[in-house]
C-alpha atoms as a PDB file:
ATOM      1  CA  UNK A   1      -5.467 -18.338 -21.713  1.00  0.00           C
ATOM      2  CA  UNK A   2      -3.299 -17.619 -24.777  1.00  0.00           C
ATOM      3  CA  UNK A   3      -2.914 -13.967 -23.642  1.00  0.00           C
ATOM      4  CA  UNK A   4      -0.691 -15.236 -20.735  1.00  0.00           C
ATOM      5  CA  UNK A   5       0.866 -18.188 -22.544  1.00  0.00           C
ATOM      6  CA  UNK A   6       2.894 -16.458 -25.115  1.00  0.00           C
ATOM      7  CA  UNK A   7       4.535 -13.953 -22.482  1.00  0.00           C
ATOM      8  CA  UNK A   8       5.207 -16.855 -20.129  1.00  0.00           C
ATOM      9  CA  UNK A   9       6.958 -18.870 -22.829  1.00  0.00           C
ATOM     10  CA  UNK A  10       8.906 -15.845 -23.895  1.00  0.00           C
ATOM     11  CA  UNK A  11       9.949 -15.187 -20.386  1.00  0.00           C
ATOM     12  CA  UNK A  12      11.020 -18.873 -19.969  1.00  0.00           C
ATOM     13  CA  UNK A  13      13.080 -18.701 -23.124  1.00  0.00           C
ATOM     14  CA  UNK A  14      14.768 -15.396 -22.043  1.00  0.00           C
ATOM     15  CA  UNK A  15      15.461 -17.074 -18.639  1.00  0.00           C
ATOM     16  CA  UNK A  16      17.146 -19.896 -20.356  1.00  0.00           C
ATOM     17  CA  UNK A  17      19.133 -17.780 -22.857  1.00  0.00           C
ATOM     18  CA  UNK A  18      20.218 -14.686 -20.806  1.00  0.00           C
ATOM     19  CA  UNK A  19      22.619 -16.677 -18.469  1.00  0.00           C
ATOM     20  CA  UNK A  20      24.252 -18.311 -21.361  1.00  0.00           C
ATOM     21  CA  UNK A  21      24.587 -15.014 -23.115  1.00  0.00           C
ATOM     22  CA  UNK A  22      26.114 -13.471 -20.014  1.00  0.00           C
ATOM     23  CA  UNK A  23      28.523 -16.332 -19.565  1.00  0.00           C
ATOM     24  CA  UNK A  24      30.350 -15.292 -22.757  1.00  0.00           C
ATOM     25  CA  UNK A  25      31.266 -11.979 -21.364  1.00  0.00           C
ATOM     26  CA  UNK A  26      31.783 -12.851 -17.662  1.00  0.00           C
ATOM     27  CA  UNK A  27      34.881 -14.640 -16.268  1.00  0.00           C
ATOM     28  CA  UNK A  28      34.626 -18.270 -15.399  1.00  0.00           C
ATOM     29  CA  UNK A  29      34.367 -19.336 -11.717  1.00  0.00           C
ATOM     30  CA  UNK A  30      32.106 -18.963  -8.755  1.00  0.00           C
ATOM     31  CA  UNK A  31      32.303 -15.188  -8.801  1.00  0.00           C
ATOM     32  CA  UNK A  32      31.383 -15.019 -12.348  1.00  0.00           C
ATOM     33  CA  UNK A  33      28.613 -17.349 -11.804  1.00  0.00           C
ATOM     34  CA  UNK A  34      27.150 -15.261  -8.948  1.00  0.00           C
ATOM     35  CA  UNK A  35      27.466 -12.153 -10.961  1.00  0.00           C
ATOM     36  CA  UNK A  36      25.838 -13.810 -13.881  1.00  0.00           C
ATOM     37  CA  UNK A  37      22.826 -14.890 -11.690  1.00  0.00           C
ATOM     38  CA  UNK A  38      22.459 -11.364 -10.141  1.00  0.00           C
ATOM     39  CA  UNK A  39      22.606  -9.763 -13.582  1.00  0.00           C
ATOM     40  CA  UNK A  40      20.322 -12.164 -15.157  1.00  0.00           C
ATOM     41  CA  UNK A  41      17.791 -11.874 -12.156  1.00  0.00           C
ATOM     42  CA  UNK A  42      17.825  -8.075 -12.633  1.00  0.00           C
ATOM     43  CA  UNK A  43      17.262  -8.197 -16.377  1.00  0.00           C
ATOM     44  CA  UNK A  44      14.414 -10.684 -16.042  1.00  0.00           C
ATOM     45  CA  UNK A  45      12.766  -8.717 -13.150  1.00  0.00           C
ATOM     46  CA  UNK A  46      12.999  -5.663 -15.376  1.00  0.00           C
ATOM     47  CA  UNK A  47      11.576  -7.379 -18.573  1.00  0.00           C
ATOM     48  CA  UNK A  48       8.747  -8.823 -16.341  1.00  0.00           C
ATOM     49  CA  UNK A  49       8.053  -5.415 -14.945  1.00  0.00           C
ATOM     50  CA  UNK A  50       8.019  -3.841 -18.364  1.00  0.00           C
ATOM     51  CA  UNK A  51       5.744  -6.448 -19.667  1.00  0.00           C
ATOM     52  CA  UNK A  52       3.291  -5.816 -16.783  1.00  0.00           C
ATOM     53  CA  UNK A  53       3.476  -2.010 -17.246  1.00  0.00           C
ATOM     54  CA  UNK A  54       2.727  -2.483 -21.069  1.00  0.00           C
ATOM     55  CA  UNK A  55      -0.112  -4.975 -20.504  1.00  0.00           C
ATOM     56  CA  UNK A  56      -1.723  -2.758 -17.709  1.00  0.00           C
ATOM     57  CA  UNK A  57      -1.241   0.349 -19.822  1.00  0.00           C
ATOM     58  CA  UNK A  58      -2.892  -1.269 -22.825  1.00  0.00           C
ATOM     59  CA  UNK A  59      -5.808  -2.202 -20.760  1.00  0.00           C
ATOM     60  CA  UNK A  60      -6.209   1.181 -19.100  1.00  0.00           C
ATOM     61  CA  UNK A  61      -4.253   4.253 -19.947  1.00  0.00           C
ATOM     62  CA  UNK A  62      -4.802   5.726 -16.451  1.00  0.00           C
ATOM     63  CA  UNK A  63      -2.056   3.260 -15.254  1.00  0.00           C
ATOM     64  CA  UNK A  64       0.539   5.108 -17.503  1.00  0.00           C
ATOM     65  CA  UNK A  65      -0.704   8.408 -16.268  1.00  0.00           C
ATOM     66  CA  UNK A  66       0.197   7.184 -12.687  1.00  0.00           C
ATOM     67  CA  UNK A  67       3.749   7.179 -13.759  1.00  0.00           C
ATOM     68  CA  UNK A  68       3.634  10.924 -13.942  1.00  0.00           C
ATOM     69  CA  UNK A  69       1.655  11.398 -10.773  1.00  0.00           C
ATOM     70  CA  UNK A  70       3.338   8.871  -8.481  1.00  0.00           C
ATOM     71  CA  UNK A  71       6.311   7.529 -10.303  1.00  0.00           C
ATOM     72  CA  UNK A  72       8.016   5.953  -7.300  1.00  0.00           C
ATOM     73  CA  UNK A  73       4.963   4.048  -6.092  1.00  0.00           C
ATOM     74  CA  UNK A  74       4.181   2.908  -9.612  1.00  0.00           C
ATOM     75  CA  UNK A  75       7.642   1.620 -10.358  1.00  0.00           C
ATOM     76  CA  UNK A  76       7.786  -0.168  -7.042  1.00  0.00           C
ATOM     77  CA  UNK A  77       4.408  -1.818  -7.842  1.00  0.00           C
ATOM     78  CA  UNK A  78       5.573  -2.969 -11.253  1.00  0.00           C
ATOM     79  CA  UNK A  79       8.986  -4.097  -9.974  1.00  0.00           C
ATOM     80  CA  UNK A  80       7.108  -6.122  -7.258  1.00  0.00           C
ATOM     81  CA  UNK A  81       5.224  -7.885 -10.020  1.00  0.00           C
ATOM     82  CA  UNK A  82       8.428  -8.567 -11.848  1.00  0.00           C
ATOM     83  CA  UNK A  83       9.782 -10.235  -8.822  1.00  0.00           C
ATOM     84  CA  UNK A  84       6.683 -12.235  -8.407  1.00  0.00           C
ATOM     85  CA  UNK A  85       6.961 -13.371 -11.941  1.00  0.00           C
ATOM     86  CA  UNK A  86      10.187 -14.910 -10.619  1.00  0.00           C
ATOM     87  CA  UNK A  87       7.970 -18.016  -9.958  1.00  0.00           C
ATOM     88  CA  UNK A  88       7.988 -18.520 -13.633  1.00  0.00           C
ATOM     89  CA  UNK A  89      11.565 -17.585 -14.632  1.00  0.00           C
ATOM     90  CA  UNK A  90      13.642 -18.231 -11.632  1.00  0.00           C
ATOM     91  CA  UNK A  91      13.702 -22.100 -11.832  1.00  0.00           C
ATOM     92  CA  UNK A  92      14.616 -22.029 -15.444  1.00  0.00           C
ATOM     93  CA  UNK A  93      17.380 -19.344 -14.786  1.00  0.00           C
ATOM     94  CA  UNK A  94      18.815 -21.514 -12.007  1.00  0.00           C
ATOM     95  CA  UNK A  95      18.836 -24.513 -14.164  1.00  0.00           C
ATOM     96  CA  UNK A  96      20.601 -22.478 -16.861  1.00  0.00           C
ATOM     97  CA  UNK A  97      23.076 -21.249 -14.341  1.00  0.00           C
ATOM     98  CA  UNK A  98      23.761 -24.783 -13.008  1.00  0.00           C
ATOM     99  CA  UNK A  99      24.802 -25.813 -16.438  1.00  0.00           C
ATOM    100  CA  UNK A 100      27.489 -23.207 -16.786  1.00  0.00           C
ATOM    101  CA  UNK A 101      30.315 -25.061 -15.058  1.00  0.00           C
ATOM    102  CA  UNK A 102      30.184 -27.766 -17.527  1.00  0.00           C
ATOM    103  CA  UNK A 103      31.273 -25.287 -20.184  1.00  0.00           C
ATOM    104  CA  UNK A 104      34.326 -23.811 -18.286  1.00  0.00           C
ATOM    105  CA  UNK A 105      37.679 -24.395 -19.855  1.00  0.00           C
ATOM    106  CA  UNK A 106      39.993 -22.825 -17.423  1.00  0.00           C
ATOM    107  CA  UNK A 107      38.380 -23.162 -13.976  1.00  0.00           C
ATOM    108  CA  UNK A 108      37.372 -26.430 -12.441  1.00  0.00           C
ATOM    109  CA  UNK A 109      34.242 -26.692 -10.461  1.00  0.00           C
END
């Protein structure tokens, strides 16, 4: 149970923090909000996929060997797991993105 709890909590915290961090460098407005969502989703998917690759590789080193034998299929598999982990991080990311317009100073929603 705790083996999954800590990564899930860290993923949720990242899903809350990444959109706010990205909002500092992206322009205000709808376009910036959409770009923020896309970049945040890509980063969170990559983080999730990297965690799954690490966790699987720690359990069985043959998984890491598959990266050399079939890199495309292996990466697609772990990216798919990262997207499926979106059930955990996507709602938090969307809530974090929805709070962005309150902080806009020059553009009105």
